[in-house]
Structure formats: C-alpha cells, structure tokens
C-alpha atoms as a PDB file:
ATOM      1  CA  MET A   1     233.047   6.512 123.540  1.00  0.00           C
ATOM      2  CA  PHE A   2     234.417  10.004 122.858  1.00  0.00           C
ATOM      3  CA  TRP A   3     236.825  11.687 120.458  1.00  0.00           C
ATOM      4  CA  GLN A   4     239.739  13.884 121.519  1.00  0.00           C
ATOM      5  CA  ASN A   5     241.632  16.236 119.216  1.00  0.00           C
ATOM      6  CA  THR A   6     239.661  15.046 116.167  1.00  0.00           C
ATOM      7  CA  ILE A   7     236.466  17.066 116.313  1.00  0.00           C
ATOM      8  CA  THR A   8     235.683  20.515 117.722  1.00  0.00           C
ATOM      9  CA  LEU A   9     231.897  20.193 117.713  1.00  0.00           C
ATOM     10  CA  SER A  10     229.599  19.023 120.493  1.00  0.00           C
ATOM     11  CA  VAL A  11     228.250  15.767 119.073  1.00  0.00           C
ATOM     12  CA  TYR A  12     225.987  13.053 120.525  1.00  0.00           C
ATOM     13  CA  ILE A  13     225.336  10.082 118.240  1.00  0.00           C
ATOM     14  CA  GLY A  14     223.852   6.660 118.830  1.00  0.00           C
ATOM     15  CA  GLY A  15     221.413   4.025 117.688  1.00  0.00           C
ATOM     16  CA  GLN A  16     217.708   3.814 118.414  1.00  0.00           C
ATOM     17  CA  SER A  17     215.763   0.683 119.323  1.00  0.00           C
ATOM     18  CA  GLU A  18     214.285  -1.458 116.554  1.00  0.00           C
ATOM     19  CA  THR A  19     211.148  -2.061 118.646  1.00  0.00           C
ATOM     20  CA  LEU A  20     208.636   0.753 118.977  1.00  0.00           C
ATOM     21  CA  ARG A  21     207.736  -0.188 122.548  1.00  0.00           C
ATOM     22  CA  SER A  22     211.337   0.346 123.713  1.00  0.00           C
ATOM     23  CA  ASP A  23     211.596   3.721 121.981  1.00  0.00           C
ATOM     24  CA  LEU A  24     208.308   4.800 123.581  1.00  0.00           C
ATOM     25  CA  LYS A  25     209.379   3.580 127.032  1.00  0.00           C
ATOM     26  CA  PHE A  26     212.703   5.437 126.977  1.00  0.00           C
ATOM     27  CA  SER A  27     213.097   7.976 124.171  1.00  0.00           C
ATOM     28  CA  PHE A  28     213.282   8.272 120.405  1.00  0.00           C
ATOM     29  CA  ASP A  29     216.100  10.801 120.948  1.00  0.00           C
ATOM     30  CA  GLN A  30     218.571   8.771 122.980  1.00  0.00           C
ATOM     31  CA  GLY A  31     221.439   6.487 122.135  1.00  0.00           C
ATOM     32  CA  PHE A  32     220.936   2.989 123.528  1.00  0.00           C
ATOM     33  CA  GLY A  33     224.080   2.071 125.446  1.00  0.00           C
ATOM     34  CA  GLY A  34     224.092  -1.611 124.578  1.00  0.00           C
ATOM     35  CA  ALA A  35     224.626  -0.760 120.927  1.00  0.00           C
ATOM     36  CA  GLY A  36     226.930   2.083 121.959  1.00  0.00           C
ATOM     37  CA  PHE A  37     226.681   5.843 121.727  1.00  0.00           C
ATOM     38  CA  ALA A  38     229.393   8.459 121.287  1.00  0.00           C
ATOM     39  CA  LEU A  39     230.015  11.888 122.774  1.00  0.00           C
ATOM     40  CA  SER A  40     232.600  14.288 121.393  1.00  0.00           C
ATOM     41  CA  TYR A  41     235.390  15.527 123.626  1.00  0.00           C
ATOM     42  CA  PRO A  42     234.118  19.151 123.874  1.00  0.00           C
ATOM     43  CA  LEU A  43     230.739  17.852 125.050  1.00  0.00           C
ATOM     44  CA  ILE A  44     232.308  15.499 127.613  1.00  0.00           C
ATOM     45  CA  SER A  45     234.529  18.333 128.883  1.00  0.00           C
ATOM     46  CA  ALA A  46     231.480  20.497 129.523  1.00  0.00           C
ATOM     47  CA  MET A  47     229.421  17.735 131.114  1.00  0.00           C
ATOM     48  CA  VAL A  48     231.997  16.549 133.654  1.00  0.00           C
ATOM     49  CA  LYS A  49     232.072  19.967 135.349  1.00  0.00           C
ATOM     50  CA  ASP A  50     228.653  19.255 136.876  1.00  0.00           C
ATOM     51  CA  LEU A  51     227.940  15.595 136.138  1.00  0.00           C
ATOM     52  CA  GLU A  52     227.069  14.750 139.727  1.00  0.00           C
ATOM     53  CA  GLY A  53     224.685  17.691 139.811  1.00  0.00           C
ATOM     54  CA  CYS A  54     222.978  16.432 136.677  1.00  0.00           C
ATOM     55  CA  PHE A  55     222.478  12.994 138.242  1.00  0.00           C
ATOM     56  CA  LYS A  56     220.899  14.629 141.298  1.00  0.00           C
ATOM     57  CA  ARG A  57     218.485  16.643 139.172  1.00  0.00           C
ATOM     58  CA  TYR A  58     216.992  13.498 137.607  1.00  0.00           C
ATOM     59  CA  PRO A  59     216.865  10.835 140.347  1.00  0.00           C
ATOM     60  CA  TYR A  60     213.608   9.447 138.966  1.00  0.00           C
ATOM     61  CA  LEU A  61     215.103   8.218 135.692  1.00  0.00           C
ATOM     62  CA  VAL A  62     215.453   4.430 135.543  1.00  0.00           C
ATOM     63  CA  SER A  63     218.033   4.170 132.757  1.00  0.00           C
ATOM     64  CA  ALA A  64     221.632   5.378 132.612  1.00  0.00           C
ATOM     65  CA  ASP A  65     221.209   5.890 128.856  1.00  0.00           C
ATOM     66  CA  LEU A  66     218.212   8.163 129.414  1.00  0.00           C
ATOM     67  CA  THR A  67     220.036  10.050 132.177  1.00  0.00           C
ATOM     68  CA  THR A  68     222.873  10.702 129.727  1.00  0.00           C
ATOM     69  CA  LYS A  69     220.359  12.067 127.224  1.00  0.00           C
ATOM     70  CA  TYR A  70     218.926  14.453 129.870  1.00  0.00           C
ATOM     71  CA  CYS A  71     222.414  15.667 130.779  1.00  0.00           C
ATOM     72  CA  VAL A  72     223.304  16.227 127.108  1.00  0.00           C
ATOM     73  CA  ASP A  73     220.041  18.107 126.544  1.00  0.00           C
ATOM     74  CA  GLU A  74     221.036  20.609 129.230  1.00  0.00           C
ATOM     75  CA  PHE A  75     223.782  21.795 126.870  1.00  0.00           C
ATOM     76  CA  GLY A  76     221.450  22.158 123.885  1.00  0.00           C
ATOM     77  CA  VAL A  77     223.170  19.398 121.918  1.00  0.00           C
ATOM     78  CA  PRO A  78     220.784  17.408 119.684  1.00  0.00           C
ATOM     79  CA  PHE A  79     220.820  13.653 119.269  1.00  0.00           C
ATOM     80  CA  SER A  80     222.025  12.385 115.892  1.00  0.00           C
ATOM     81  CA  ALA A  81     220.768   8.925 115.001  1.00  0.00           C
ATOM     82  CA  GLU A  82     223.409   6.748 113.321  1.00  0.00           C
ATOM     83  CA  ARG A  83     221.603   3.968 111.470  1.00  0.00           C
ATOM     84  CA  GLY A  84     224.599   1.656 111.481  1.00  0.00           C
ATOM     85  CA  ILE A  85     224.492   1.347 115.290  1.00  0.00           C
ATOM     86  CA  HIS A  86     222.110  -1.503 116.116  1.00  0.00           C
ATOM     87  CA  GLN A  87     220.543  -2.180 119.502  1.00  0.00           C
ATOM     88  CA  ILE A  88     218.819  -5.296 118.030  1.00  0.00           C
ATOM     89  CA  ASP A  89     215.829  -5.228 120.385  1.00  0.00           C
ATOM     90  CA  LEU A  90     214.533  -8.173 118.403  1.00  0.00           C
ATOM     91  CA  HIS A  91     214.177 -11.933 118.677  1.00  0.00           C
ATOM     92  CA  GLY A  92     214.544 -14.724 116.158  1.00  0.00           C
ATOM     93  CA  ASP A  93     215.915 -14.461 112.646  1.00  0.00           C
ATOM     94  CA  ILE A  94     217.299 -10.984 111.880  1.00  0.00           C
ATOM     95  CA  SER A  95     218.459 -11.899 108.362  1.00  0.00           C
ATOM     96  CA  GLY A  96     215.632  -9.804 106.922  1.00  0.00           C
ATOM     97  CA  LEU A  97     217.003  -6.729 108.699  1.00  0.00           C
ATOM     98  CA  LEU A  98     220.622  -7.363 107.741  1.00  0.00           C
ATOM     99  CA  SER A  99     219.726  -8.106 104.108  1.00  0.00           C
ATOM    100  CA  SER A 100     218.158  -4.642 103.747  1.00  0.00           C
ATOM    101  CA  HIS A 101     220.609  -2.746 105.913  1.00  0.00           C
ATOM    102  CA  PRO A 102     220.278   1.049 105.977  1.00  0.00           C
ATOM    103  CA  GLN A 103     222.671   2.974 103.790  1.00  0.00           C
ATOM    104  CA  ALA A 104     225.130   3.562 106.616  1.00  0.00           C
ATOM    105  CA  PRO A 105     228.344   1.869 107.739  1.00  0.00           C
ATOM    106  CA  LEU A 106     227.863  -1.053 110.130  1.00  0.00           C
ATOM    107  CA  MET A 107     229.177   0.015 113.533  1.00  0.00           C
ATOM    108  CA  SER A 108     227.676  -2.386 116.088  1.00  0.00           C
ATOM    109  CA  LEU A 109     225.308  -5.305 116.637  1.00  0.00           C
ATOM    110  CA  HIS A 110     224.024  -5.628 120.216  1.00  0.00           C
ATOM    111  CA  HIS A 111     222.035  -8.574 121.670  1.00  0.00           C
ATOM    112  CA  PHE A 112     223.880 -10.875 119.289  1.00  0.00           C
ATOM    113  CA  ASP A 113     223.608 -13.651 121.879  1.00  0.00           C
ATOM    114  CA  ILE A 114     219.790 -13.446 121.897  1.00  0.00           C
ATOM    115  CA  VAL A 115     218.939 -13.617 118.196  1.00  0.00           C
ATOM    116  CA  SER A 116     219.277 -16.687 116.001  1.00  0.00           C
ATOM    117  CA  PRO A 117     222.654 -17.260 114.290  1.00  0.00           C
ATOM    118  CA  ILE A 118     222.794 -14.914 111.314  1.00  0.00           C
ATOM    119  CA  PHE A 119     224.120 -17.690 109.078  1.00  0.00           C
ATOM    120  CA  PRO A 120     221.657 -20.600 109.322  1.00  0.00           C
ATOM    121  CA  SER A 121     224.292 -23.315 108.884  1.00  0.00           C
ATOM    122  CA  MET A 122     226.455 -22.001 111.758  1.00  0.00           C
ATOM    123  CA  ASP A 123     226.219 -21.224 115.466  1.00  0.00           C
ATOM    124  CA  ARG A 124     226.481 -17.657 116.784  1.00  0.00           C
ATOM    125  CA  PHE A 125     230.247 -17.755 117.328  1.00  0.00           C
ATOM    126  CA  GLN A 126     230.883 -19.165 113.870  1.00  0.00           C
ATOM    127  CA  SER A 127     228.459 -16.651 112.347  1.00  0.00           C
ATOM    128  CA  ALA A 128     230.262 -13.690 113.885  1.00  0.00           C
ATOM    129  CA  ASN A 129     233.642 -14.963 112.669  1.00  0.00           C
ATOM    130  CA  HIS A 130     232.225 -15.624 109.204  1.00  0.00           C
ATOM    131  CA  LEU A 131     230.849 -12.086 108.894  1.00  0.00           C
ATOM    132  CA  MET A 132     234.209 -10.703 110.004  1.00  0.00           C
ATOM    133  CA  LYS A 133     235.828 -12.400 106.997  1.00  0.00           C
ATOM    134  CA  SER A 134     233.955  -9.900 104.840  1.00  0.00           C
ATOM    135  CA  ALA A 135     234.817  -7.025 107.168  1.00  0.00           C
ATOM    136  CA  LYS A 136     238.535  -7.817 106.933  1.00  0.00           C
ATOM    137  CA  VAL A 137     238.412  -7.654 103.130  1.00  0.00           C
ATOM    138  CA  ASP A 138     236.191  -4.555 102.794  1.00  0.00           C
ATOM    139  CA  GLN A 139     234.668  -3.116 105.959  1.00  0.00           C
ATOM    140  CA  SER A 140     233.317  -0.078 104.070  1.00  0.00           C
ATOM    141  CA  ARG A 141     230.852  -2.196 102.047  1.00  0.00           C
ATOM    142  CA  LEU A 142     229.811  -4.605 104.805  1.00  0.00           C
ATOM    143  CA  LEU A 143     225.996  -5.125 104.656  1.00  0.00           C
ATOM    144  CA  GLN A 144     225.593  -2.241 102.202  1.00  0.00           C
ATOM    145  CA  GLN A 145     222.595  -2.970  99.973  1.00  0.00           C
ATOM    146  CA  THR A 146     222.955  -2.752  96.198  1.00  0.00           C
ATOM    147  CA  ILE A 147     219.961  -3.362  93.903  1.00  0.00           C
ATOM    148  CA  CYS A 148     219.837  -4.014  90.172  1.00  0.00           C
ATOM    149  CA  TYR A 149     217.663  -5.749  87.593  1.00  0.00           C
ATOM    150  CA  HIS A 150     218.043  -8.317  84.808  1.00  0.00           C
ATOM    151  CA  LYS A 151     215.524  -7.404  82.114  1.00  0.00           C
ATOM    152  CA  PRO A 152     215.678 -10.621  80.020  1.00  0.00           C
ATOM    153  CA  THR A 153     214.382 -12.640  83.004  1.00  0.00           C
ATOM    154  CA  ASN A 154     212.494  -9.867  84.846  1.00  0.00           C
ATOM    155  CA  TRP A 155     214.553 -10.609  87.952  1.00  0.00           C
ATOM    156  CA  ALA A 156     215.466  -8.190  90.721  1.00  0.00           C
ATOM    157  CA  PHE A 157     218.750  -8.654  92.591  1.00  0.00           C
ATOM    158  CA  SER A 158     219.390  -7.289  96.077  1.00  0.00           C
ATOM    159  CA  VAL A 159     222.845  -7.825  97.565  1.00  0.00           C
ATOM    160  CA  SER A 160     223.791  -7.080 101.174  1.00  0.00           C
ATOM    161  CA  TRP A 161     227.524  -7.102 100.529  1.00  0.00           C
ATOM    162  CA  GLY A 162     229.435  -9.673 102.529  1.00  0.00           C
ATOM    163  CA  TYR A 163     226.278 -11.229 103.952  1.00  0.00           C
ATOM    164  CA  SER A 164     223.485 -12.212 101.576  1.00  0.00           C
ATOM    165  CA  ALA A 165     222.048 -12.003  98.072  1.00  0.00           C
ATOM    166  CA  HIS A 166     218.388 -12.195  97.096  1.00  0.00           C
ATOM    167  CA  ILE A 167     216.879 -12.919  93.677  1.00  0.00           C
ATOM    168  CA  TYR A 168     213.239 -12.027  93.061  1.00  0.00           C
ATOM    169  CA  GLU A 169     211.340 -13.375  90.059  1.00  0.00           C
ATOM    170  CA  LYS A 170     209.710 -10.005  89.487  1.00  0.00           C
ATOM    171  CA  VAL A 171     210.909  -6.433  89.017  1.00  0.00           C
ATOM    172  CA  ILE A 172     210.205  -4.918  92.431  1.00  0.00           C
ATOM    173  CA  PRO A 173     210.732  -1.164  93.070  1.00  0.00           C
ATOM    174  CA  ARG A 174     213.813  -0.179  95.037  1.00  0.00           C
ATOM    175  CA  THR A 175     211.648   1.509  97.670  1.00  0.00           C
ATOM    176  CA  LEU A 176     210.115  -1.853  98.573  1.00  0.00           C
ATOM    177  CA  LEU A 177     213.362  -3.829  98.425  1.00  0.00           C
ATOM    178  CA  LYS A 178     214.912  -1.367 100.890  1.00  0.00           C
ATOM    179  CA  ARG A 179     212.310  -2.418 103.464  1.00  0.00           C
ATOM    180  CA  PRO A 180     213.473  -5.366 105.602  1.00  0.00           C
ATOM    181  CA  LEU A 181     211.593  -8.637 105.294  1.00  0.00           C
ATOM    182  CA  GLU A 182     209.892  -9.220 108.629  1.00  0.00           C
ATOM    183  CA  THR A 183     211.755 -12.390 109.538  1.00  0.00           C
ATOM    184  CA  PHE A 184     212.180 -11.170 113.134  1.00  0.00           C
ATOM    185  CA  ARG A 185     209.982 -10.622 116.190  1.00  0.00           C
ATOM    186  CA  PRO A 186     209.951  -7.609 118.551  1.00  0.00           C
ATOM    187  CA  TRP A 187     211.889  -7.681 121.813  1.00  0.00           C
ATOM    188  CA  SER A 188     208.784  -7.941 123.998  1.00  0.00           C
ATOM    189  CA  GLN A 189     205.226  -9.014 123.358  1.00  0.00           C
ATOM    190  CA  GLY A 190     202.240  -7.071 124.656  1.00  0.00           C
ATOM    191  CA  PRO A 191     198.581  -6.305 123.996  1.00  0.00           C
ATOM    192  CA  GLU A 192     199.451  -3.667 121.394  1.00  0.00           C
ATOM    193  CA  PRO A 193     200.484  -4.560 117.834  1.00  0.00           C
ATOM    194  CA  PRO A 194     204.250  -5.264 117.626  1.00  0.00           C
ATOM    195  CA  PHE A 195     205.041  -2.257 115.462  1.00  0.00           C
ATOM    196  CA  PHE A 196     208.576  -1.374 114.445  1.00  0.00           C
ATOM    197  CA  PRO A 197     209.717   2.242 113.974  1.00  0.00           C
ATOM    198  CA  PHE A 198     210.579   1.519 110.329  1.00  0.00           C
ATOM    199  CA  ASN A 199     208.827   0.082 107.283  1.00  0.00           C
ATOM    200  CA  THR A 200     208.922  -3.685 106.762  1.00  0.00           C
ATOM    201  CA  ARG A 201     207.705  -6.215 104.243  1.00  0.00           C
ATOM    202  CA  LEU A 202     205.216  -8.466 106.028  1.00  0.00           C
ATOM    203  CA  ARG A 203     205.557 -12.217 106.536  1.00  0.00           C
ATOM    204  CA  LYS A 204     202.880 -12.906 103.912  1.00  0.00           C
ATOM    205  CA  SER A 205     205.560 -12.036 101.339  1.00  0.00           C
ATOM    206  CA  PHE A 206     207.112 -15.460 101.962  1.00  0.00           C
ATOM    207  CA  SER A 207     204.074 -17.270 100.523  1.00  0.00           C
ATOM    208  CA  ASP A 208     203.865 -15.243  97.296  1.00  0.00           C
ATOM    209  CA  PRO A 209     206.224 -16.600  94.581  1.00  0.00           C
ATOM    210  CA  CYS A 210     206.543 -13.109  93.111  1.00  0.00           C
ATOM    211  CA  ASP A 211     207.501 -11.473  96.426  1.00  0.00           C
ATOM    212  CA  ALA A 212     209.478 -14.252  98.132  1.00  0.00           C
ATOM    213  CA  PRO A 213     213.219 -14.119  97.450  1.00  0.00           C
ATOM    214  CA  HIS A 214     215.596 -16.897  96.544  1.00  0.00           C
ATOM    215  CA  ILE A 215     218.062 -16.474  99.418  1.00  0.00           C
ATOM    216  CA  PHE A 216     221.839 -16.931  99.235  1.00  0.00           C
ATOM    217  CA  PHE A 217     224.316 -16.448 102.102  1.00  0.00           C
ATOM    218  CA  MET A 218     227.962 -15.462 101.874  1.00  0.00           C
ATOM    219  CA  GLU A 219     230.229 -18.437 101.343  1.00  0.00           C
ATOM    220  CA  SER A 220     233.563 -16.740 100.621  1.00  0.00           C
ATOM    221  CA  VAL A 221     235.121 -13.361  99.932  1.00  0.00           C
ATOM    222  CA  GLU A 222     238.544 -12.716  98.427  1.00  0.00           C
ATOM    223  CA  ASN A 223     240.649  -9.792  97.293  1.00  0.00           C
ATOM    224  CA  LEU A 224     242.043 -10.857  93.922  1.00  0.00           C
ATOM    225  CA  GLY A 225     244.493  -7.970  93.724  1.00  0.00           C
ATOM    226  CA  GLY A 226     244.384  -5.133  91.278  1.00  0.00           C
ATOM    227  CA  ASN A 227     241.026  -3.498  91.788  1.00  0.00           C
ATOM    228  CA  GLN A 228     238.694  -6.474  92.262  1.00  0.00           C
ATOM    229  CA  ILE A 229     237.085  -8.281  95.162  1.00  0.00           C
ATOM    230  CA  VAL A 230     235.010 -11.414  94.579  1.00  0.00           C
ATOM    231  CA  SER A 231     232.359 -12.476  97.069  1.00  0.00           C
ATOM    232  CA  THR A 232     230.298 -15.636  96.568  1.00  0.00           C
ATOM    233  CA  TYR A 233     226.856 -16.397  98.007  1.00  0.00           C
ATOM    234  CA  VAL A 234     225.435 -19.916  98.105  1.00  0.00           C
ATOM    235  CA  ARG A 235     221.749 -20.865  98.101  1.00  0.00           C
ATOM    236  CA  SER A 236     220.367 -21.483 101.598  1.00  0.00           C
ATOM    237  CA  GLY A 237     217.662 -23.866 100.393  1.00  0.00           C
ATOM    238  CA  SER A 238     214.671 -24.255  98.102  1.00  0.00           C
ATOM    239  CA  ARG A 239     211.832 -21.733  98.303  1.00  0.00           C
ATOM    240  CA  ARG A 240     209.322 -24.582  97.831  1.00  0.00           C
ATOM    241  CA  LEU A 241     207.189 -22.233  95.742  1.00  0.00           C
ATOM    242  CA  PRO A 242     206.106 -22.240  92.072  1.00  0.00           C
ATOM    243  CA  THR A 243     207.501 -19.782  89.540  1.00  0.00           C
ATOM    244  CA  CYS A 244     206.136 -16.238  89.581  1.00  0.00           C
ATOM    245  CA  LEU A 245     203.392 -16.167  86.946  1.00  0.00           C
ATOM    246  CA  PHE A 246     203.990 -12.639  85.640  1.00  0.00           C
ATOM    247  CA  SER A 247     204.254 -12.625  81.844  1.00  0.00           C
ATOM    248  CA  GLY A 248     207.826 -13.121  80.673  1.00  0.00           C
ATOM    249  CA  ASN A 249     209.177 -14.155  84.045  1.00  0.00           C
ATOM    250  CA  HIS A 250     211.517 -17.085  84.558  1.00  0.00           C
ATOM    251  CA  SER A 251     212.233 -19.457  87.429  1.00  0.00           C
ATOM    252  CA  ALA A 252     215.423 -18.837  89.408  1.00  0.00           C
ATOM    253  CA  ASP A 253     215.312 -22.250  91.067  1.00  0.00           C
ATOM    254  CA  TYR A 254     218.347 -23.470  89.110  1.00  0.00           C
ATOM    255  CA  ILE A 255     220.663 -20.707  90.356  1.00  0.00           C
ATOM    256  CA  SER A 256     222.885 -22.215  93.035  1.00  0.00           C
ATOM    257  CA  LYS A 257     225.323 -19.342  93.576  1.00  0.00           C
ATOM    258  CA  VAL A 258     225.576 -15.583  93.150  1.00  0.00           C
ATOM    259  CA  ARG A 259     229.034 -14.153  92.482  1.00  0.00           C
ATOM    260  CA  VAL A 260     229.604 -10.440  93.117  1.00  0.00           C
ATOM    261  CA  LEU A 261     232.527  -8.470  91.679  1.00  0.00           C
ATOM    262  CA  SER A 262     233.234  -5.217  93.506  1.00  0.00           C
ATOM    263  CA  PRO A 263     236.089  -2.700  93.317  1.00  0.00           C
ATOM    264  CA  VAL A 264     238.751  -2.483  96.008  1.00  0.00           C
ATOM    265  CA  THR A 265     238.148   1.264  96.317  1.00  0.00           C
ATOM    266  CA  LYS A 266     236.602   1.955  99.727  1.00  0.00           C
ATOM    267  CA  LEU A 267     233.214   3.569 100.118  1.00  0.00           C
ATOM    268  CA  ILE A 268     233.004   6.858 102.010  1.00  0.00           C
ATOM    269  CA  GLN A 269     229.489   7.293 103.307  1.00  0.00           C
ATOM    270  CA  SER A 270     229.187   8.084 107.011  1.00  0.00           C
ATOM    271  CA  LYS A 271     227.646  11.470 107.755  1.00  0.00           C
ATOM    272  CA  LEU A 272     229.734  11.462 110.914  1.00  0.00           C
ATOM    273  CA  LEU A 273     232.865  11.581 108.747  1.00  0.00           C
ATOM    274  CA  ILE A 274     231.626  14.797 107.148  1.00  0.00           C
ATOM    275  CA  SER A 275     232.042  16.542 110.475  1.00  0.00           C
ATOM    276  CA  ILE A 276     235.350  14.883 111.328  1.00  0.00           C
ATOM    277  CA  LEU A 277     237.084  15.027 107.969  1.00  0.00           C
ATOM    278  CA  SER A 278     235.183  17.877 106.246  1.00  0.00           C
ATOM    279  CA  LEU A 279     234.406  15.717 103.236  1.00  0.00           C
ATOM    280  CA  SER A 280     232.273  16.922 100.342  1.00  0.00           C
ATOM    281  CA  LEU A 281     228.641  15.883 100.379  1.00  0.00           C
ATOM    282  CA  SER A 282     229.036  14.819  96.756  1.00  0.00           C
ATOM    283  CA  GLN A 283     231.096  11.863  98.006  1.00  0.00           C
ATOM    284  CA  MET A 284     228.341  10.564 100.257  1.00  0.00           C
ATOM    285  CA  ASP A 285     224.971   8.998 100.430  1.00  0.00           C
ATOM    286  CA  ARG A 286     224.415   7.276  97.110  1.00  0.00           C
ATOM    287  CA  SER A 287     224.465   3.527  96.760  1.00  0.00           C
ATOM    288  CA  GLU A 288     226.558   1.869  94.088  1.00  0.00           C
ATOM    289  CA  CYS A 289     225.124   0.647  90.812  1.00  0.00           C
ATOM    290  CA  CYS A 290     225.487  -2.876  89.477  1.00  0.00           C
ATOM    291  CA  ASP A 291     224.990  -4.884  86.308  1.00  0.00           C
ATOM    292  CA  ILE A 292     223.997  -8.530  85.888  1.00  0.00           C
ATOM    293  CA  ILE A 293     226.783  -9.703  83.598  1.00  0.00           C
ATOM    294  CA  GLN A 294     225.962 -13.400  83.553  1.00  0.00           C
ATOM    295  CA  VAL A 295     222.984 -15.627  84.403  1.00  0.00           C
ATOM    296  CA  GLY A 296     222.938 -19.402  84.188  1.00  0.00           C
ATOM    297  CA  ASP A 297     226.459 -20.500  83.231  1.00  0.00           C
ATOM    298  CA  LYS A 298     227.227 -23.323  85.680  1.00  0.00           C
ATOM    299  CA  ASN A 299     224.068 -22.253  87.553  1.00  0.00           C
ATOM    300  CA  ILE A 300     225.773 -19.048  88.687  1.00  0.00           C
ATOM    301  CA  ALA A 301     224.484 -15.490  88.469  1.00  0.00           C
ATOM    302  CA  GLU A 302     227.218 -12.847  88.334  1.00  0.00           C
ATOM    303  CA  VAL A 303     226.811  -9.261  89.504  1.00  0.00           C
ATOM    304  CA  LYS A 304     229.339  -6.491  88.890  1.00  0.00           C
ATOM    305  CA  TYR A 305     229.422  -3.292  90.955  1.00  0.00           C
ATOM    306  CA  ARG A 306     230.299   0.057  89.423  1.00  0.00           C
ATOM    307  CA  THR A 307     230.027   3.767  90.090  1.00  0.00           C
ATOM    308  CA  CYS A 308     226.664   5.244  89.103  1.00  0.00           C
ATOM    309  CA  MET A 309     226.487   7.857  86.382  1.00  0.00           C
ATOM    310  CA  ASP A 310     225.378  11.281  87.586  1.00  0.00           C
ATOM    311  CA  ASP A 311     221.937  11.158  85.981  1.00  0.00           C
ATOM    312  CA  GLU A 312     221.417   7.384  86.193  1.00  0.00           C
ATOM    313  CA  ILE A 313     218.044   6.140  87.422  1.00  0.00           C
ATOM    314  CA  LEU A 314     218.630   3.030  89.502  1.00  0.00           C
ATOM    315  CA  GLY A 315     215.836   0.909  88.098  1.00  0.00           C
END
C-alpha cells in the first residue's frame, strides 16, 4: 500500500508479530506483509530507482517483508509500528486480545482463517460479518477499550466497543485491564517459553472469581439518530465461579446484557493521521470516559460514554 498526493514524508508503517519467536526470527522493526504494511509515495519513488539492485545486495534474506525493510533502511527511513495492524501469529481463542485492543484504530486482522471464530456462537465467516456490523455503524470506535467503575457494587467494566464487554467483581486498575487475557496460544511451540512481546494476564486469572470476567459479546448495534448509538452485549455463558469475596462486593451473575450508549461523533486517534492531516495532538490518544448509569433493571447493566474532563482521573 502507498499514498500519492496525500503525504510528503517518507513513511514506513506496519504491524509487528504477536509472537516473540517470529519477531526474533525476522525483525522487531519490520512490517509483516500478511497484516499489511504501507509505504508513502515519496519513499516508493526513491526505492524503485534501484529496487533490483537492492534485491541483489541481500540475496540471503528469506522473507520478502524483511527484504523490504532492508531496502527501506538504505534510505534512513525508520519503521513506525501501527498497533491496529494485526499479524495474528496466534492460535486458538483471540478474544482476550481483541477485548483489550490497543488504543489505535483497527486496520487489519491477518490469519483470521487459523484462529477460532471470534464470536463463540458463530463460524468464522459469520463472525467476520457480525463484527462488520459494528464497523458500518462506527468504524472509529471498533474494538476501542473503555474502562469505568461502579462504586456501589465494586465492579469494573471494560468494553471493547462493537465486540465485547467484561464485568469484574472487583475494582481492578486500568493498567491491568489493558493487558489482554491470555486466551490464545503462540503461533509455534518450541523449547523456549512462549513469550509474547506485550504484557498479558495469565490463564490462572480464569480460576480466580475476583480476576475472572463475566463475558458478554456484541449482539446488536444501532444508530438511533441524533447523537446516540446503542450497542448491546449478551452474556456468553456462566463463569461457574463463586462471588468475589472482597468486602462489599456483589455477584454479577444475574446480569444478562450490557447496553452501551455512545455518541455518533467519530473518534480521531491515529498517529498516522497527524502526519497526513496535520491534526493537533490534543485531539488524539486519550480514551473516552464512561459512567455506569444503571445496574440490575431487567438484568441489564447500562454504560454511557462521554468526553473526559481535562483533569479527570480515569479510576
């Protein structure tokens, strides 16, 4: 992919692998082509003048993606990692990753035919179409994580907009909730530990009633007109765990749905857009705030998004 007549800088962006072994084998500073990488038009224009020569200088490289990185490096252009581009060098259930998506716009999901369906009640084709229902209503918020707390019950809410909602029966710091639950496995097994190049919450979290979430998946999303979008998330099943025993905590077993109210106003958050559109940094890089406006009526919890105040602590 490249841009023409939209950007005057030499830019090389892409996604890294989610498995440490793949990053070590190839490079931490390359865009993986399956997920897609992008070169700006000025960079492409410079590279094509001696592209064949570049290929001849590195005949020992075993990957076209890595060869591209070497050719780009010859022009002194750094790699910019875009966290919304996903190689998905993983196996199994990636819901833990998608439910704590980085604060970046979703741009691609590679290896979608290898992982388990992202909605457990659907096959892969149905899952992709179902996720696109959210994208068609509000692509800017798709998978963006918003976290808030309900003090009367000591619950923490984490919503991956358009995909999932989690309720925890304990107030858990945002730093921990931003780490994906390790529902997935690495792309390849080996004698070394299957480390990932990002922090995760380990599988043992699923056996602790205070750390294991009540999980809800997107059922429907609708633009109601005016300035309101309603997305609804339905419980995927019982946790089969007792209530968290922290003092003052309450069971969330009776909640069957989570309803999220969000504004129609689109989010602007991609750092790439700063270069292209010269947007102010003050418009970027802060998640939205939310309030729990209802818990329990008809077994529904209701969450309302809003703009954060300048000095608001999100906790």
